[in-house]
Amino acid sequence: MLRVVPKVVDVERRRRDVLEAVWRVVERDGVAGATVRAIALEAGASTTVVTHWFRNKDEVLRAALDLSHHRIAARRARHMEGRSGRDALAEALRQMLPLDSERKLEMQIEINVWLRALSDESSREVHLASHDRSLQLLQRLVEESMSTGELDTSLDPRRTAEGLLAFVDGLGVDALVHPDRVSDERQLLLLEEQLDLLAPAR
């Protein structure tokens, strides 16, 4: 008698495929185009499979943001390898700015989640978790830069990290909305000038 072996489904791999499809659809069609139907078509799956993980647009966006954060962390780790002090701090901040097409897309997704966070508790929690992780990283790098004498030792590391995060968030939004005024070069220049303000007095 022929025994039928049930097909083994790699659930995590399938979810990853759907997440990657979310990313490609957002990249191609924008956040507005990231419908469940479009994602299913991109992933080569049924809408039932997609709705197994994402019940609505908010969940799709949060999933895209989660994938974005993983990409940012991996890229930042690569670029920060071997760096220390102010150099590492500057690189971490550069990775948060929309300086290429990938980072522009990441910020677009982030902004959409910010807007939803105004009225959606789940989106607010996702945003706060990401915000706190960035703050912890920047605070550690500020403290390291202070210990090497590259930043003023009288600074409050936490408040300084909060100020830098607010600075790159605002600068990034300006760059997306006014690319003709805030070029990649200007973003980098303004960032360096901001860090210069935190250097020890000469």
C-alpha atoms as a PDB file:
ATOM      1  CA  MET A   1       0.000   0.000   0.000  1.00  0.00           C
ATOM      2  CA  LEU A   2       1.352   3.399  -1.002  1.00  0.00           C
ATOM      3  CA  ARG A   3       1.755   5.659   2.013  1.00  0.00           C
ATOM      4  CA  VAL A   4       1.246   9.368   1.418  1.00  0.00           C
ATOM      5  CA  VAL A   5       3.852  11.441   3.229  1.00  0.00           C
ATOM      6  CA  PRO A   6       2.468  14.791   4.339  1.00  0.00           C
ATOM      7  CA  LYS A   7       4.244  17.789   2.874  1.00  0.00           C
ATOM      8  CA  VAL A   8       6.463  19.536   5.416  1.00  0.00           C
ATOM      9  CA  VAL A   9       6.025  23.284   5.371  1.00  0.00           C
ATOM     10  CA  ASP A  10       8.832  25.466   6.654  1.00  0.00           C
ATOM     11  CA  VAL A  11       6.642  28.010   8.431  1.00  0.00           C
ATOM     12  CA  GLU A  12       9.409  30.470   9.224  1.00  0.00           C
ATOM     13  CA  ARG A  13      10.728  30.328   5.667  1.00  0.00           C
ATOM     14  CA  ARG A  14       7.228  30.910   4.296  1.00  0.00           C
ATOM     15  CA  ARG A  15       6.692  33.860   6.591  1.00  0.00           C
ATOM     16  CA  ARG A  16      10.060  35.256   5.523  1.00  0.00           C
ATOM     17  CA  ASP A  17       9.048  34.915   1.874  1.00  0.00           C
ATOM     18  CA  VAL A  18       5.871  36.880   2.569  1.00  0.00           C
ATOM     19  CA  LEU A  19       7.831  39.545   4.457  1.00  0.00           C
ATOM     20  CA  GLU A  20      10.234  39.907   1.532  1.00  0.00           C
ATOM     21  CA  ALA A  21       7.209  40.243  -0.763  1.00  0.00           C
ATOM     22  CA  VAL A  22       5.880  43.033   1.470  1.00  0.00           C
ATOM     23  CA  TRP A  23       9.195  44.830   1.103  1.00  0.00           C
ATOM     24  CA  ARG A  24       9.261  44.478  -2.706  1.00  0.00           C
ATOM     25  CA  VAL A  25       5.676  45.712  -3.066  1.00  0.00           C
ATOM     26  CA  VAL A  26       6.307  48.748  -0.846  1.00  0.00           C
ATOM     27  CA  GLU A  27       9.502  49.493  -2.747  1.00  0.00           C
ATOM     28  CA  ARG A  28       7.736  49.278  -6.109  1.00  0.00           C
ATOM     29  CA  ASP A  29       4.242  50.611  -5.355  1.00  0.00           C
ATOM     30  CA  GLY A  30       4.664  52.571  -2.131  1.00  0.00           C
ATOM     31  CA  VAL A  31       2.883  52.009   1.150  1.00  0.00           C
ATOM     32  CA  ALA A  32      -0.517  52.707  -0.418  1.00  0.00           C
ATOM     33  CA  GLY A  33       0.014  49.838  -2.864  1.00  0.00           C
ATOM     34  CA  ALA A  34       0.878  47.284  -0.193  1.00  0.00           C
ATOM     35  CA  THR A  35      -2.485  45.548  -0.168  1.00  0.00           C
ATOM     36  CA  VAL A  36      -2.979  41.962   0.929  1.00  0.00           C
ATOM     37  CA  ARG A  37      -3.839  41.030  -2.661  1.00  0.00           C
ATOM     38  CA  ALA A  38      -0.692  42.666  -4.077  1.00  0.00           C
ATOM     39  CA  ILE A  39       1.490  40.993  -1.451  1.00  0.00           C
ATOM     40  CA  ALA A  40      -0.070  37.588  -2.130  1.00  0.00           C
ATOM     41  CA  LEU A  41       0.523  37.991  -5.858  1.00  0.00           C
ATOM     42  CA  GLU A  42       4.144  39.034  -5.271  1.00  0.00           C
ATOM     43  CA  ALA A  43       4.759  36.123  -2.902  1.00  0.00           C
ATOM     44  CA  GLY A  44       3.114  33.596  -5.225  1.00  0.00           C
ATOM     45  CA  ALA A  45       0.678  32.705  -2.463  1.00  0.00           C
ATOM     46  CA  SER A  46      -3.022  32.884  -1.800  1.00  0.00           C
ATOM     47  CA  THR A  47      -4.555  35.778   0.113  1.00  0.00           C
ATOM     48  CA  THR A  48      -5.466  33.222   2.786  1.00  0.00           C
ATOM     49  CA  VAL A  49      -1.781  32.526   3.386  1.00  0.00           C
ATOM     50  CA  VAL A  50      -1.009  36.249   3.671  1.00  0.00           C
ATOM     51  CA  THR A  51      -3.928  36.975   6.001  1.00  0.00           C
ATOM     52  CA  HIS A  52      -2.687  34.154   8.231  1.00  0.00           C
ATOM     53  CA  TRP A  53       0.056  36.595   9.313  1.00  0.00           C
ATOM     54  CA  PHE A  54      -1.348  40.012   8.405  1.00  0.00           C
ATOM     55  CA  ARG A  55      -4.995  40.755   9.132  1.00  0.00           C
ATOM     56  CA  ASN A  56      -4.926  44.359   7.949  1.00  0.00           C
ATOM     57  CA  LYS A  57      -2.801  47.202   6.571  1.00  0.00           C
ATOM     58  CA  ASP A  58      -1.441  48.145   9.993  1.00  0.00           C
ATOM     59  CA  GLU A  59      -0.055  44.648  10.492  1.00  0.00           C
ATOM     60  CA  VAL A  60       1.491  44.712   7.016  1.00  0.00           C
ATOM     61  CA  LEU A  61       3.241  47.998   7.828  1.00  0.00           C
ATOM     62  CA  ARG A  62       4.462  46.772  11.192  1.00  0.00           C
ATOM     63  CA  ALA A  63       5.872  43.672   9.518  1.00  0.00           C
ATOM     64  CA  ALA A  64       7.606  45.813   6.893  1.00  0.00           C
ATOM     65  CA  LEU A  65       9.020  47.999   9.657  1.00  0.00           C
ATOM     66  CA  ASP A  66      10.251  44.967  11.571  1.00  0.00           C
ATOM     67  CA  LEU A  67      12.078  43.723   8.479  1.00  0.00           C
ATOM     68  CA  SER A  68      13.421  47.240   7.920  1.00  0.00           C
ATOM     69  CA  HIS A  69      14.841  47.326  11.458  1.00  0.00           C
ATOM     70  CA  HIS A  70      16.592  43.998  10.936  1.00  0.00           C
ATOM     71  CA  ARG A  71      18.131  45.291   7.707  1.00  0.00           C
ATOM     72  CA  ILE A  72      19.240  48.526   9.365  1.00  0.00           C
ATOM     73  CA  ALA A  73      20.819  46.668  12.287  1.00  0.00           C
ATOM     74  CA  ALA A  74      22.702  44.291   9.977  1.00  0.00           C
ATOM     75  CA  ARG A  75      23.918  47.110   7.717  1.00  0.00           C
ATOM     76  CA  ARG A  76      24.912  49.272  10.673  1.00  0.00           C
ATOM     77  CA  ALA A  77      26.878  46.418  12.221  1.00  0.00           C
ATOM     78  CA  ARG A  78      28.776  45.926   8.943  1.00  0.00           C
ATOM     79  CA  HIS A  79      29.635  49.601   8.587  1.00  0.00           C
ATOM     80  CA  MET A  80      30.537  50.107  12.244  1.00  0.00           C
ATOM     81  CA  GLU A  81      32.908  47.153  12.404  1.00  0.00           C
ATOM     82  CA  GLY A  82      36.352  48.333  13.465  1.00  0.00           C
ATOM     83  CA  ARG A  83      35.128  51.843  14.290  1.00  0.00           C
ATOM     84  CA  SER A  84      35.139  53.430  17.742  1.00  0.00           C
ATOM     85  CA  GLY A  85      34.489  56.717  19.496  1.00  0.00           C
ATOM     86  CA  ARG A  86      33.096  59.608  17.486  1.00  0.00           C
ATOM     87  CA  ASP A  87      33.740  57.748  14.231  1.00  0.00           C
ATOM     88  CA  ALA A  88      31.405  54.942  15.337  1.00  0.00           C
ATOM     89  CA  LEU A  89      28.805  57.439  16.587  1.00  0.00           C
ATOM     90  CA  ALA A  90      28.869  59.339  13.298  1.00  0.00           C
ATOM     91  CA  GLU A  91      28.509  56.123  11.293  1.00  0.00           C
ATOM     92  CA  ALA A  92      25.559  54.956  13.392  1.00  0.00           C
ATOM     93  CA  LEU A  93      23.835  58.281  12.731  1.00  0.00           C
ATOM     94  CA  ARG A  94      24.654  58.200   9.014  1.00  0.00           C
ATOM     95  CA  GLN A  95      22.969  54.806   8.753  1.00  0.00           C
ATOM     96  CA  MET A  96      19.759  56.383  10.093  1.00  0.00           C
ATOM     97  CA  LEU A  97      19.653  59.062   7.395  1.00  0.00           C
ATOM     98  CA  PRO A  98      17.984  58.539   3.964  1.00  0.00           C
ATOM     99  CA  LEU A  99      21.221  58.669   1.980  1.00  0.00           C
ATOM    100  CA  ASP A 100      20.338  56.063  -0.671  1.00  0.00           C
ATOM    101  CA  SER A 101      17.252  54.380  -2.124  1.00  0.00           C
ATOM    102  CA  GLU A 102      17.200  51.629   0.520  1.00  0.00           C
ATOM    103  CA  ARG A 103      17.382  54.062   3.417  1.00  0.00           C
ATOM    104  CA  LYS A 104      14.811  56.370   1.808  1.00  0.00           C
ATOM    105  CA  LEU A 105      12.369  53.470   1.667  1.00  0.00           C
ATOM    106  CA  GLU A 106      13.130  52.553   5.280  1.00  0.00           C
ATOM    107  CA  MET A 107      12.326  56.103   6.385  1.00  0.00           C
ATOM    108  CA  GLN A 108       9.119  56.198   4.346  1.00  0.00           C
ATOM    109  CA  ILE A 109       7.917  53.071   6.128  1.00  0.00           C
ATOM    110  CA  GLU A 110       9.004  54.512   9.473  1.00  0.00           C
ATOM    111  CA  ILE A 111       7.081  57.737   8.892  1.00  0.00           C
ATOM    112  CA  ASN A 112       3.923  55.822   7.981  1.00  0.00           C
ATOM    113  CA  VAL A 113       4.166  53.886  11.235  1.00  0.00           C
ATOM    114  CA  TRP A 114       4.722  57.154  13.142  1.00  0.00           C
ATOM    115  CA  LEU A 115       1.465  58.499  11.708  1.00  0.00           C
ATOM    116  CA  ARG A 116      -0.432  55.363  12.682  1.00  0.00           C
ATOM    117  CA  ALA A 117       1.132  55.473  16.148  1.00  0.00           C
ATOM    118  CA  LEU A 118      -0.895  58.606  16.839  1.00  0.00           C
ATOM    119  CA  SER A 119      -4.076  56.542  17.059  1.00  0.00           C
ATOM    120  CA  ASP A 120      -3.020  52.868  17.082  1.00  0.00           C
ATOM    121  CA  GLU A 121      -1.606  51.388  20.284  1.00  0.00           C
ATOM    122  CA  SER A 122       0.195  48.487  18.572  1.00  0.00           C
ATOM    123  CA  SER A 123       1.971  50.828  16.165  1.00  0.00           C
ATOM    124  CA  ARG A 124       2.886  53.059  19.094  1.00  0.00           C
ATOM    125  CA  GLU A 125       4.459  50.123  20.928  1.00  0.00           C
ATOM    126  CA  VAL A 126       6.468  49.132  17.843  1.00  0.00           C
ATOM    127  CA  HIS A 127       7.687  52.690  17.449  1.00  0.00           C
ATOM    128  CA  LEU A 128       8.657  53.022  21.120  1.00  0.00           C
ATOM    129  CA  ALA A 129      10.578  49.733  21.076  1.00  0.00           C
ATOM    130  CA  SER A 130      12.563  50.852  18.026  1.00  0.00           C
ATOM    131  CA  HIS A 131      13.102  54.313  19.509  1.00  0.00           C
ATOM    132  CA  ASP A 132      14.435  52.863  22.761  1.00  0.00           C
ATOM    133  CA  ARG A 133      16.844  50.521  20.954  1.00  0.00           C
ATOM    134  CA  SER A 134      18.244  53.436  18.968  1.00  0.00           C
ATOM    135  CA  LEU A 135      18.558  55.528  22.119  1.00  0.00           C
ATOM    136  CA  GLN A 136      20.458  52.797  23.934  1.00  0.00           C
ATOM    137  CA  LEU A 137      22.889  52.428  21.051  1.00  0.00           C
ATOM    138  CA  LEU A 138      23.472  56.167  20.716  1.00  0.00           C
ATOM    139  CA  GLN A 139      23.871  56.634  24.465  1.00  0.00           C
ATOM    140  CA  ARG A 140      26.526  53.916  24.548  1.00  0.00           C
ATOM    141  CA  LEU A 141      28.385  55.525  21.643  1.00  0.00           C
ATOM    142  CA  VAL A 142      28.135  58.994  23.203  1.00  0.00           C
ATOM    143  CA  GLU A 143      29.590  57.642  26.454  1.00  0.00           C
ATOM    144  CA  GLU A 144      32.401  55.981  24.505  1.00  0.00           C
ATOM    145  CA  SER A 145      33.128  59.209  22.629  1.00  0.00           C
ATOM    146  CA  MET A 146      33.195  61.129  25.908  1.00  0.00           C
ATOM    147  CA  SER A 147      35.649  58.616  27.384  1.00  0.00           C
ATOM    148  CA  THR A 148      38.035  59.174  24.468  1.00  0.00           C
ATOM    149  CA  GLY A 149      37.782  62.944  24.835  1.00  0.00           C
ATOM    150  CA  GLU A 150      36.116  63.395  21.438  1.00  0.00           C
ATOM    151  CA  LEU A 151      32.910  64.745  22.993  1.00  0.00           C
ATOM    152  CA  ASP A 152      32.594  67.187  25.874  1.00  0.00           C
ATOM    153  CA  THR A 153      32.756  65.229  29.143  1.00  0.00           C
ATOM    154  CA  SER A 154      30.231  67.560  30.784  1.00  0.00           C
ATOM    155  CA  LEU A 155      27.458  66.312  28.492  1.00  0.00           C
ATOM    156  CA  ASP A 156      24.574  64.235  29.790  1.00  0.00           C
ATOM    157  CA  PRO A 157      24.835  61.048  27.671  1.00  0.00           C
ATOM    158  CA  ARG A 158      21.118  60.287  27.719  1.00  0.00           C
ATOM    159  CA  ARG A 159      19.977  63.790  26.785  1.00  0.00           C
ATOM    160  CA  THR A 160      22.690  64.008  24.143  1.00  0.00           C
ATOM    161  CA  ALA A 161      21.526  60.710  22.610  1.00  0.00           C
ATOM    162  CA  GLU A 162      17.923  61.934  22.645  1.00  0.00           C
ATOM    163  CA  GLY A 163      18.954  65.160  20.923  1.00  0.00           C
ATOM    164  CA  LEU A 164      20.937  63.357  18.242  1.00  0.00           C
ATOM    165  CA  LEU A 165      18.092  60.937  17.533  1.00  0.00           C
ATOM    166  CA  ALA A 166      15.616  63.826  17.245  1.00  0.00           C
ATOM    167  CA  PHE A 167      18.098  65.611  14.961  1.00  0.00           C
ATOM    168  CA  VAL A 168      18.512  62.735  12.485  1.00  0.00           C
ATOM    169  CA  ASP A 169      14.761  62.000  12.508  1.00  0.00           C
ATOM    170  CA  GLY A 170      13.964  65.623  11.657  1.00  0.00           C
ATOM    171  CA  LEU A 171      16.753  65.915   9.121  1.00  0.00           C
ATOM    172  CA  GLY A 172      15.665  62.669   7.470  1.00  0.00           C
ATOM    173  CA  VAL A 173      12.071  63.857   7.103  1.00  0.00           C
ATOM    174  CA  ASP A 174      13.266  67.178   5.639  1.00  0.00           C
ATOM    175  CA  ALA A 175      15.420  65.278   3.153  1.00  0.00           C
ATOM    176  CA  LEU A 176      12.475  63.186   1.992  1.00  0.00           C
ATOM    177  CA  VAL A 177      10.054  66.100   1.724  1.00  0.00           C
ATOM    178  CA  HIS A 178      12.543  68.639   0.304  1.00  0.00           C
ATOM    179  CA  PRO A 179      15.204  66.651  -1.589  1.00  0.00           C
ATOM    180  CA  ASP A 180      15.985  69.736  -3.676  1.00  0.00           C
ATOM    181  CA  ARG A 181      16.990  71.614  -0.514  1.00  0.00           C
ATOM    182  CA  VAL A 182      18.424  68.820   1.613  1.00  0.00           C
ATOM    183  CA  SER A 183      20.767  66.777  -0.570  1.00  0.00           C
ATOM    184  CA  ASP A 184      22.804  63.802   0.629  1.00  0.00           C
ATOM    185  CA  GLU A 185      25.846  66.067   0.876  1.00  0.00           C
ATOM    186  CA  ARG A 186      23.948  68.611   2.970  1.00  0.00           C
ATOM    187  CA  GLN A 187      22.701  65.906   5.329  1.00  0.00           C
ATOM    188  CA  LEU A 188      26.274  64.762   5.929  1.00  0.00           C
ATOM    189  CA  LEU A 189      27.508  68.318   6.393  1.00  0.00           C
ATOM    190  CA  LEU A 190      24.768  69.171   8.906  1.00  0.00           C
ATOM    191  CA  LEU A 191      25.442  65.965  10.822  1.00  0.00           C
ATOM    192  CA  GLU A 192      29.151  66.738  11.116  1.00  0.00           C
ATOM    193  CA  GLU A 193      28.381  70.271  12.251  1.00  0.00           C
ATOM    194  CA  GLN A 194      25.995  68.914  14.880  1.00  0.00           C
ATOM    195  CA  LEU A 195      28.683  66.600  16.238  1.00  0.00           C
ATOM    196  CA  ASP A 196      31.183  69.457  16.195  1.00  0.00           C
ATOM    197  CA  LEU A 197      28.891  71.364  18.574  1.00  0.00           C
ATOM    198  CA  LEU A 198      29.320  68.516  21.082  1.00  0.00           C
ATOM    199  CA  ALA A 199      33.122  68.489  20.923  1.00  0.00           C
ATOM    200  CA  PRO A 200      35.225  69.776  23.846  1.00  0.00           C
ATOM    201  CA  ALA A 201      35.861  73.521  23.882  1.00  0.00           C
ATOM    202  CA  ARG A 202      39.219  74.497  22.407  1.00  0.00           C
END
